[in-house]
Amino acid sequence: MKLNSHYVEKPWGRDDLPPVFTKADGRQIGEVWFDSSDEKLPILVKWLFTSENLSIQVHPNDEQ
């Protein structure tokens, strides 16, 4: 299965992505998302690229 890729700009992103990714062309890319269009296997993988340290974020539901 091939995953679809989406480049997401963020203020803390980078314009110098590793060679395996498409060039940022001056954009501040903070995340590259890879997702499946297959309803049987819904999956989302994110690569984060930061120019600054980021805090760890947790978003538990009411039960957790």
PDB file of N, CA and C in Angstrom:
ATOM      1  N   MET A   1       0.836  -1.167   0.000  1.00  0.00           N
ATOM      2  CA  MET A   1       0.000   0.000   0.000  1.00  0.00           C
ATOM      3  C   MET A   1       0.889   1.240   0.000  1.00  0.00           C
ATOM      4  N   LYS A   2       0.545   2.183  -0.828  1.00  0.00           N
ATOM      5  CA  LYS A   2       1.273   3.454  -0.879  1.00  0.00           C
ATOM      6  C   LYS A   2       0.505   4.493  -0.071  1.00  0.00           C
ATOM      7  N   LEU A   3       1.229   5.219   0.763  1.00  0.00           N
ATOM      8  CA  LEU A   3       0.615   6.269   1.560  1.00  0.00           C
ATOM      9  C   LEU A   3       0.712   7.606   0.836  1.00  0.00           C
ATOM     10  N   ASN A   4      -0.294   8.445   1.017  1.00  0.00           N
ATOM     11  CA  ASN A   4      -0.321   9.788   0.439  1.00  0.00           C
ATOM     12  C   ASN A   4       0.480  10.724   1.337  1.00  0.00           C
ATOM     13  N   SER A   5       1.224  11.643   0.759  1.00  0.00           N
ATOM     14  CA  SER A   5       2.016  12.572   1.569  1.00  0.00           C
ATOM     15  C   SER A   5       1.450  13.986   1.482  1.00  0.00           C
ATOM     16  N   HIS A   6       1.540  14.694   2.619  1.00  0.00           N
ATOM     17  CA  HIS A   6       1.079  16.074   2.727  1.00  0.00           C
ATOM     18  C   HIS A   6       2.128  16.861   3.512  1.00  0.00           C
ATOM     19  N   TYR A   7       2.575  17.965   2.966  1.00  0.00           N
ATOM     20  CA  TYR A   7       3.552  18.829   3.630  1.00  0.00           C
ATOM     21  C   TYR A   7       2.795  19.944   4.340  1.00  0.00           C
ATOM     22  N   VAL A   8       3.053  20.088   5.649  1.00  0.00           N
ATOM     23  CA  VAL A   8       2.310  21.042   6.473  1.00  0.00           C
ATOM     24  C   VAL A   8       3.277  22.109   6.989  1.00  0.00           C
ATOM     25  N   GLU A   9       2.972  23.360   6.668  1.00  0.00           N
ATOM     26  CA  GLU A   9       3.816  24.465   7.133  1.00  0.00           C
ATOM     27  C   GLU A   9       3.497  24.787   8.590  1.00  0.00           C
ATOM     28  N   LYS A  10       4.552  25.092   9.358  1.00  0.00           N
ATOM     29  CA  LYS A  10       4.427  25.479  10.766  1.00  0.00           C
ATOM     30  C   LYS A  10       5.426  26.596  11.042  1.00  0.00           C
ATOM     31  N   PRO A  11       5.120  27.493  11.981  1.00  0.00           N
ATOM     32  CA  PRO A  11       6.062  28.579  12.301  1.00  0.00           C
ATOM     33  C   PRO A  11       7.402  28.053  12.807  1.00  0.00           C
ATOM     34  N   TRP A  12       7.404  26.890  13.446  1.00  0.00           N
ATOM     35  CA  TRP A  12       8.626  26.300  13.980  1.00  0.00           C
ATOM     36  C   TRP A  12       9.258  25.304  13.003  1.00  0.00           C
ATOM     37  N   GLY A  13       8.777  25.281  11.777  1.00  0.00           N
ATOM     38  CA  GLY A  13       9.266  24.322  10.788  1.00  0.00           C
ATOM     39  C   GLY A  13      10.642  24.674  10.234  1.00  0.00           C
ATOM     40  N   ARG A  14      11.062  23.887   9.262  1.00  0.00           N
ATOM     41  CA  ARG A  14      12.386  24.060   8.660  1.00  0.00           C
ATOM     42  C   ARG A  14      12.255  24.169   7.143  1.00  0.00           C
ATOM     43  N   ASP A  15      13.243  24.793   6.539  1.00  0.00           N
ATOM     44  CA  ASP A  15      13.268  24.843   5.072  1.00  0.00           C
ATOM     45  C   ASP A  15      14.371  23.955   4.507  1.00  0.00           C
ATOM     46  N   ASP A  16      15.046  23.183   5.374  1.00  0.00           N
ATOM     47  CA  ASP A  16      16.109  22.277   4.937  1.00  0.00           C
ATOM     48  C   ASP A  16      15.783  20.840   5.353  1.00  0.00           C
ATOM     49  N   LEU A  17      14.869  20.219   4.618  1.00  0.00           N
ATOM     50  CA  LEU A  17      14.454  18.857   4.926  1.00  0.00           C
ATOM     51  C   LEU A  17      15.513  17.858   4.457  1.00  0.00           C
ATOM     52  N   PRO A  18      15.538  16.661   5.082  1.00  0.00           N
ATOM     53  CA  PRO A  18      16.464  15.621   4.624  1.00  0.00           C
ATOM     54  C   PRO A  18      16.217  15.282   3.146  1.00  0.00           C
ATOM     55  N   PRO A  19      17.240  14.801   2.449  1.00  0.00           N
ATOM     56  CA  PRO A  19      17.135  14.555   1.004  1.00  0.00           C
ATOM     57  C   PRO A  19      16.022  13.593   0.579  1.00  0.00           C
ATOM     58  N   VAL A  20      15.594  12.714   1.446  1.00  0.00           N
ATOM     59  CA  VAL A  20      14.551  11.753   1.074  1.00  0.00           C
ATOM     60  C   VAL A  20      13.190  12.429   0.864  1.00  0.00           C
ATOM     61  N   PHE A  21      13.011  13.644   1.381  1.00  0.00           N
ATOM     62  CA  PHE A  21      11.765  14.385   1.230  1.00  0.00           C
ATOM     63  C   PHE A  21      11.887  15.398   0.095  1.00  0.00           C
ATOM     64  N   THR A  22      10.733  15.802  -0.463  1.00  0.00           N
ATOM     65  CA  THR A  22      10.695  16.826  -1.491  1.00  0.00           C
ATOM     66  C   THR A  22      11.230  18.134  -0.914  1.00  0.00           C
ATOM     67  N   LYS A  23      11.882  18.932  -1.720  1.00  0.00           N
ATOM     68  CA  LYS A  23      12.431  20.209  -1.253  1.00  0.00           C
ATOM     69  C   LYS A  23      11.324  21.111  -0.728  1.00  0.00           C
ATOM     70  N   ALA A  24      11.649  21.867   0.290  1.00  0.00           N
ATOM     71  CA  ALA A  24      10.672  22.752   0.931  1.00  0.00           C
ATOM     72  C   ALA A  24      10.426  24.020   0.115  1.00  0.00           C
ATOM     73  N   ASP A  25      11.311  24.351  -0.816  1.00  0.00           N
ATOM     74  CA  ASP A  25      11.157  25.537  -1.664  1.00  0.00           C
ATOM     75  C   ASP A  25      10.904  26.808  -0.854  1.00  0.00           C
ATOM     76  N   GLY A  26      11.666  26.985   0.237  1.00  0.00           N
ATOM     77  CA  GLY A  26      11.560  28.188   1.050  1.00  0.00           C
ATOM     78  C   GLY A  26      10.441  28.174   2.064  1.00  0.00           C
ATOM     79  N   ARG A  27       9.586  27.154   2.037  1.00  0.00           N
ATOM     80  CA  ARG A  27       8.487  27.059   3.007  1.00  0.00           C
ATOM     81  C   ARG A  27       9.015  26.495   4.323  1.00  0.00           C
ATOM     82  N   GLN A  28       8.383  26.854   5.431  1.00  0.00           N
ATOM     83  CA  GLN A  28       8.743  26.355   6.753  1.00  0.00           C
ATOM     84  C   GLN A  28       7.929  25.086   7.017  1.00  0.00           C
ATOM     85  N   ILE A  29       8.424  23.942   6.572  1.00  0.00           N
ATOM     86  CA  ILE A  29       7.719  22.682   6.740  1.00  0.00           C
ATOM     87  C   ILE A  29       7.969  22.143   8.145  1.00  0.00           C
ATOM     88  N   GLY A  30       6.904  21.960   8.896  1.00  0.00           N
ATOM     89  CA  GLY A  30       7.006  21.453  10.256  1.00  0.00           C
ATOM     90  C   GLY A  30       6.604  20.004  10.363  1.00  0.00           C
ATOM     91  N   GLU A  31       5.732  19.555   9.474  1.00  0.00           N
ATOM     92  CA  GLU A  31       5.257  18.175   9.514  1.00  0.00           C
ATOM     93  C   GLU A  31       5.079  17.654   8.095  1.00  0.00           C
ATOM     94  N   VAL A  32       5.380  16.384   7.925  1.00  0.00           N
ATOM     95  CA  VAL A  32       5.026  15.680   6.701  1.00  0.00           C
ATOM     96  C   VAL A  32       4.132  14.533   7.139  1.00  0.00           C
ATOM     97  N   TRP A  33       2.918  14.528   6.630  1.00  0.00           N
ATOM     98  CA  TRP A  33       1.945  13.497   6.985  1.00  0.00           C
ATOM     99  C   TRP A  33       1.897  12.463   5.874  1.00  0.00           C
ATOM    100  N   PHE A  34       1.839  11.212   6.269  1.00  0.00           N
ATOM    101  CA  PHE A  34       1.610  10.108   5.348  1.00  0.00           C
ATOM    102  C   PHE A  34       0.346   9.408   5.815  1.00  0.00           C
ATOM    103  N   ASP A  35      -0.679   9.359   4.954  1.00  0.00           N
ATOM    104  CA  ASP A  35      -1.918   8.718   5.363  1.00  0.00           C
ATOM    105  C   ASP A  35      -2.426   7.763   4.299  1.00  0.00           C
ATOM    106  N   SER A  36      -3.298   6.898   4.747  1.00  0.00           N
ATOM    107  CA  SER A  36      -3.855   5.867   3.894  1.00  0.00           C
ATOM    108  C   SER A  36      -5.233   6.300   3.406  1.00  0.00           C
ATOM    109  N   SER A  37      -5.537   6.006   2.175  1.00  0.00           N
ATOM    110  CA  SER A  37      -6.886   6.251   1.668  1.00  0.00           C
ATOM    111  C   SER A  37      -7.721   4.975   1.759  1.00  0.00           C
ATOM    112  N   ASP A  38      -7.139   3.914   2.345  1.00  0.00           N
ATOM    113  CA  ASP A  38      -7.813   2.628   2.503  1.00  0.00           C
ATOM    114  C   ASP A  38      -8.614   2.630   3.806  1.00  0.00           C
ATOM    115  N   GLU A  39      -9.939   2.518   3.701  1.00  0.00           N
ATOM    116  CA  GLU A  39     -10.790   2.545   4.897  1.00  0.00           C
ATOM    117  C   GLU A  39     -10.550   1.334   5.799  1.00  0.00           C
ATOM    118  N   LYS A  40     -10.014   0.243   5.249  1.00  0.00           N
ATOM    119  CA  LYS A  40      -9.760  -0.962   6.047  1.00  0.00           C
ATOM    120  C   LYS A  40      -8.537  -0.789   6.942  1.00  0.00           C
ATOM    121  N   LEU A  41      -7.642   0.089   6.569  1.00  0.00           N
ATOM    122  CA  LEU A  41      -6.433   0.325   7.356  1.00  0.00           C
ATOM    123  C   LEU A  41      -6.205   1.830   7.482  1.00  0.00           C
ATOM    124  N   PRO A  42      -6.992   2.493   8.349  1.00  0.00           N
ATOM    125  CA  PRO A  42      -6.785   3.928   8.535  1.00  0.00           C
ATOM    126  C   PRO A  42      -5.514   4.157   9.352  1.00  0.00           C
ATOM    127  N   ILE A  43      -4.563   4.803   8.751  1.00  0.00           N
ATOM    128  CA  ILE A  43      -3.285   5.041   9.418  1.00  0.00           C
ATOM    129  C   ILE A  43      -2.792   6.442   9.073  1.00  0.00           C
ATOM    130  N   LEU A  44      -2.133   7.070  10.051  1.00  0.00           N
ATOM    131  CA  LEU A  44      -1.526   8.376   9.831  1.00  0.00           C
ATOM    132  C   LEU A  44      -0.154   8.354  10.482  1.00  0.00           C
ATOM    133  N   VAL A  45       0.872   8.640   9.698  1.00  0.00           N
ATOM    134  CA  VAL A  45       2.244   8.716  10.184  1.00  0.00           C
ATOM    135  C   VAL A  45       2.710  10.151   9.975  1.00  0.00           C
ATOM    136  N   LYS A  46       3.327  10.735  11.009  1.00  0.00           N
ATOM    137  CA  LYS A  46       3.812  12.115  10.892  1.00  0.00           C
ATOM    138  C   LYS A  46       5.301  12.161  11.180  1.00  0.00           C
ATOM    139  N   TRP A  47       6.039  12.861  10.340  1.00  0.00           N
ATOM    140  CA  TRP A  47       7.431  13.227  10.600  1.00  0.00           C
ATOM    141  C   TRP A  47       7.407  14.676  11.025  1.00  0.00           C
ATOM    142  N   LEU A  48       8.094  14.995  12.125  1.00  0.00           N
ATOM    143  CA  LEU A  48       8.177  16.378  12.599  1.00  0.00           C
ATOM    144  C   LEU A  48       9.571  16.919  12.336  1.00  0.00           C
ATOM    145  N   PHE A  49       9.628  18.134  11.833  1.00  0.00           N
ATOM    146  CA  PHE A  49      10.890  18.822  11.578  1.00  0.00           C
ATOM    147  C   PHE A  49      10.820  20.157  12.302  1.00  0.00           C
ATOM    148  N   THR A  50      11.702  20.346  13.272  1.00  0.00           N
ATOM    149  CA  THR A  50      11.615  21.549  14.086  1.00  0.00           C
ATOM    150  C   THR A  50      12.897  22.363  14.042  1.00  0.00           C
ATOM    151  N   SER A  51      12.740  23.650  14.119  1.00  0.00           N
ATOM    152  CA  SER A  51      13.884  24.544  14.237  1.00  0.00           C
ATOM    153  C   SER A  51      14.047  24.987  15.690  1.00  0.00           C
ATOM    154  N   GLU A  52      13.101  24.590  16.555  1.00  0.00           N
ATOM    155  CA  GLU A  52      13.119  24.931  17.970  1.00  0.00           C
ATOM    156  C   GLU A  52      12.722  23.700  18.778  1.00  0.00           C
ATOM    157  N   ASN A  53      13.046  23.682  20.077  1.00  0.00           N
ATOM    158  CA  ASN A  53      12.571  22.618  20.952  1.00  0.00           C
ATOM    159  C   ASN A  53      11.069  22.764  21.129  1.00  0.00           C
ATOM    160  N   LEU A  54      10.364  21.653  21.123  1.00  0.00           N
ATOM    161  CA  LEU A  54       8.916  21.662  21.317  1.00  0.00           C
ATOM    162  C   LEU A  54       8.566  20.947  22.615  1.00  0.00           C
ATOM    163  N   SER A  55       7.457  21.326  23.243  1.00  0.00           N
ATOM    164  CA  SER A  55       6.997  20.653  24.447  1.00  0.00           C
ATOM    165  C   SER A  55       6.291  19.353  24.070  1.00  0.00           C
ATOM    166  N   ILE A  56       6.261  18.424  25.013  1.00  0.00           N
ATOM    167  CA  ILE A  56       5.520  17.175  24.815  1.00  0.00           C
ATOM    168  C   ILE A  56       4.059  17.476  25.112  1.00  0.00           C
ATOM    169  N   GLN A  57       3.174  17.024  24.249  1.00  0.00           N
ATOM    170  CA  GLN A  57       1.750  17.280  24.400  1.00  0.00           C
ATOM    171  C   GLN A  57       1.012  15.954  24.568  1.00  0.00           C
ATOM    172  N   VAL A  58       0.113  15.911  25.539  1.00  0.00           N
ATOM    173  CA  VAL A  58      -0.717  14.740  25.766  1.00  0.00           C
ATOM    174  C   VAL A  58      -2.164  15.212  25.808  1.00  0.00           C
ATOM    175  N   HIS A  59      -3.032  14.489  25.129  1.00  0.00           N
ATOM    176  CA  HIS A  59      -4.436  14.875  25.062  1.00  0.00           C
ATOM    177  C   HIS A  59      -5.308  13.682  25.464  1.00  0.00           C
ATOM    178  N   PRO A  60      -5.351  13.366  26.773  1.00  0.00           N
ATOM    179  CA  PRO A  60      -6.149  12.214  27.202  1.00  0.00           C
ATOM    180  C   PRO A  60      -7.647  12.513  27.142  1.00  0.00           C
ATOM    181  N   ASN A  61      -8.422  11.456  27.022  1.00  0.00           N
ATOM    182  CA  ASN A  61      -9.881  11.642  27.092  1.00  0.00           C
ATOM    183  C   ASN A  61     -10.295  11.599  28.564  1.00  0.00           C
ATOM    184  N   ASP A  62     -11.593  11.746  28.851  1.00  0.00           N
ATOM    185  CA  ASP A  62     -12.068  11.809  30.234  1.00  0.00           C
ATOM    186  C   ASP A  62     -11.779  10.529  31.009  1.00  0.00           C
ATOM    187  N   GLU A  63     -11.849   9.365  30.360  1.00  0.00           N
ATOM    188  CA  GLU A  63     -11.585   8.101  31.041  1.00  0.00           C
ATOM    189  C   GLU A  63     -10.119   7.966  31.437  1.00  0.00           C
ATOM    190  N   GLN A  64      -9.235   8.452  30.626  1.00  0.00           N
ATOM    191  CA  GLN A  64      -7.801   8.314  30.907  1.00  0.00           C
ATOM    192  C   GLN A  64      -7.398   9.216  32.045  1.00  0.00           C
TER     193      GLN A  64
END
